[in-house]
Amino acid sequence: MTDSVFQGLPVWSCFPGSPAERAGVKKGDVVVLANGQRVETMDQYVAARALRTDKLELTVLRGRSMLELLVADLPNMSKEDI
């Protein structure tokens, strides 16, 4: 298995106390899927995020492990908010 299989959107930081941090998202994670959609760019993430307003289902790569995380209590956001 090569690293290219796990292309995704890297998490550069996670605000303390944010819904993402409470769900377990950590700096260094790589978001591979958001709400079931492949994510490699911020535009793809924003589009996937827009599919649901109540929660965000993430598949992230952390080290060599794939994790399923559920981000709840999402604020309304646009691309400019990210």
C-alpha atoms as a PDB file:
ATOM      1  CA  MET A   1       0.000   0.000   0.000  1.00  0.00           C
ATOM      2  CA  THR A   2       1.456   3.378  -0.960  1.00  0.00           C
ATOM      3  CA  ASP A   3       0.953   6.771   0.641  1.00  0.00           C
ATOM      4  CA  SER A   4      -0.817   8.003  -2.508  1.00  0.00           C
ATOM      5  CA  VAL A   5      -3.778   5.794  -1.586  1.00  0.00           C
ATOM      6  CA  PHE A   6      -4.360   8.063   1.415  1.00  0.00           C
ATOM      7  CA  GLN A   7      -4.311  11.474  -0.241  1.00  0.00           C
ATOM      8  CA  GLY A   8      -6.471  13.880   1.643  1.00  0.00           C
ATOM      9  CA  LEU A   9      -6.669  17.246   3.335  1.00  0.00           C
ATOM     10  CA  PRO A  10      -4.134  17.721   6.148  1.00  0.00           C
ATOM     11  CA  VAL A  11      -5.231  19.239   9.445  1.00  0.00           C
ATOM     12  CA  TRP A  12      -2.743  22.005  10.251  1.00  0.00           C
ATOM     13  CA  SER A  13      -4.438  23.081  13.484  1.00  0.00           C
ATOM     14  CA  CYS A  14      -7.578  22.522  15.508  1.00  0.00           C
ATOM     15  CA  PHE A  15      -9.060  25.275  17.661  1.00  0.00           C
ATOM     16  CA  PRO A  16      -9.242  24.391  21.359  1.00  0.00           C
ATOM     17  CA  GLY A  17     -12.817  23.652  22.400  1.00  0.00           C
ATOM     18  CA  SER A  18     -14.068  23.524  18.809  1.00  0.00           C
ATOM     19  CA  PRO A  19     -16.543  20.847  17.683  1.00  0.00           C
ATOM     20  CA  ALA A  20     -13.718  19.216  15.696  1.00  0.00           C
ATOM     21  CA  GLU A  21     -11.416  19.050  18.720  1.00  0.00           C
ATOM     22  CA  ARG A  22     -14.223  17.640  20.881  1.00  0.00           C
ATOM     23  CA  ALA A  23     -14.755  14.948  18.212  1.00  0.00           C
ATOM     24  CA  GLY A  24     -11.081  13.968  18.392  1.00  0.00           C
ATOM     25  CA  VAL A  25      -9.606  15.701  15.329  1.00  0.00           C
ATOM     26  CA  LYS A  26      -5.911  16.434  15.912  1.00  0.00           C
ATOM     27  CA  LYS A  27      -3.192  18.447  14.228  1.00  0.00           C
ATOM     28  CA  GLY A  28      -1.453  16.118  11.780  1.00  0.00           C
ATOM     29  CA  ASP A  29      -4.576  14.124  10.896  1.00  0.00           C
ATOM     30  CA  VAL A  30      -5.386  13.796   7.200  1.00  0.00           C
ATOM     31  CA  VAL A  31      -9.076  14.050   6.288  1.00  0.00           C
ATOM     32  CA  VAL A  32      -9.751  11.418   3.618  1.00  0.00           C
ATOM     33  CA  LEU A  33     -13.575  11.462   3.600  1.00  0.00           C
ATOM     34  CA  ALA A  34     -16.100  14.032   4.795  1.00  0.00           C
ATOM     35  CA  ASN A  35     -19.746  12.954   4.836  1.00  0.00           C
ATOM     36  CA  GLY A  36     -18.761  10.064   2.578  1.00  0.00           C
ATOM     37  CA  GLN A  37     -17.126  12.291  -0.053  1.00  0.00           C
ATOM     38  CA  ARG A  38     -13.424  12.116  -1.009  1.00  0.00           C
ATOM     39  CA  VAL A  39     -11.583  15.194   0.226  1.00  0.00           C
ATOM     40  CA  GLU A  40      -8.285  16.399  -1.205  1.00  0.00           C
ATOM     41  CA  THR A  41      -8.890  20.164  -1.421  1.00  0.00           C
ATOM     42  CA  MET A  42     -10.539  22.794   0.737  1.00  0.00           C
ATOM     43  CA  ASP A  43     -13.223  23.265  -1.930  1.00  0.00           C
ATOM     44  CA  GLN A  44     -14.077  19.548  -1.736  1.00  0.00           C
ATOM     45  CA  TYR A  45     -14.214  19.766   2.061  1.00  0.00           C
ATOM     46  CA  VAL A  46     -16.546  22.777   1.958  1.00  0.00           C
ATOM     47  CA  ALA A  47     -18.830  21.011  -0.543  1.00  0.00           C
ATOM     48  CA  ALA A  48     -18.937  17.860   1.613  1.00  0.00           C
ATOM     49  CA  ARG A  49     -19.527  19.940   4.741  1.00  0.00           C
ATOM     50  CA  ALA A  50     -22.505  21.597   3.036  1.00  0.00           C
ATOM     51  CA  LEU A  51     -24.218  18.214   2.528  1.00  0.00           C
ATOM     52  CA  ARG A  52     -25.274  18.162   6.194  1.00  0.00           C
ATOM     53  CA  THR A  53     -25.807  20.972   8.628  1.00  0.00           C
ATOM     54  CA  ASP A  54     -26.185  18.997  11.857  1.00  0.00           C
ATOM     55  CA  LYS A  55     -23.037  16.870  11.900  1.00  0.00           C
ATOM     56  CA  LEU A  56     -19.949  15.980   9.942  1.00  0.00           C
ATOM     57  CA  GLU A  57     -18.787  12.393   9.531  1.00  0.00           C
ATOM     58  CA  LEU A  58     -15.028  12.300   8.967  1.00  0.00           C
ATOM     59  CA  THR A  59     -12.662   9.511   8.037  1.00  0.00           C
ATOM     60  CA  VAL A  60      -9.156  10.571   8.993  1.00  0.00           C
ATOM     61  CA  LEU A  61      -5.761   9.000   8.664  1.00  0.00           C
ATOM     62  CA  ARG A  62      -3.700   9.288  11.854  1.00  0.00           C
ATOM     63  CA  GLY A  63      -0.321   7.667  11.498  1.00  0.00           C
ATOM     64  CA  ARG A  64      -1.167   4.280  10.000  1.00  0.00           C
ATOM     65  CA  SER A  65      -4.698   4.119  11.426  1.00  0.00           C
ATOM     66  CA  MET A  66      -7.961   5.139   9.792  1.00  0.00           C
ATOM     67  CA  LEU A  67     -10.423   6.654  12.268  1.00  0.00           C
ATOM     68  CA  GLU A  68     -14.113   7.449  11.964  1.00  0.00           C
ATOM     69  CA  LEU A  69     -14.971  10.675  13.804  1.00  0.00           C
ATOM     70  CA  LEU A  70     -18.333  12.381  14.245  1.00  0.00           C
ATOM     71  CA  VAL A  71     -18.272  16.158  14.594  1.00  0.00           C
ATOM     72  CA  ALA A  72     -21.507  17.447  16.128  1.00  0.00           C
ATOM     73  CA  ASP A  73     -22.841  20.894  17.098  1.00  0.00           C
ATOM     74  CA  LEU A  74     -21.602  22.469  13.896  1.00  0.00           C
ATOM     75  CA  PRO A  75     -21.856  26.216  13.457  1.00  0.00           C
ATOM     76  CA  ASN A  76     -23.140  27.557  10.155  1.00  0.00           C
ATOM     77  CA  MET A  77     -20.104  28.288   8.044  1.00  0.00           C
ATOM     78  CA  SER A  78     -18.973  29.301   4.621  1.00  0.00           C
ATOM     79  CA  LYS A  79     -15.625  28.837   2.912  1.00  0.00           C
ATOM     80  CA  GLU A  80     -14.529  32.206   4.306  1.00  0.00           C
ATOM     81  CA  ASP A  81     -15.035  30.913   7.869  1.00  0.00           C
ATOM     82  CA  ILE A  82     -12.516  28.091   7.507  1.00  0.00           C
END
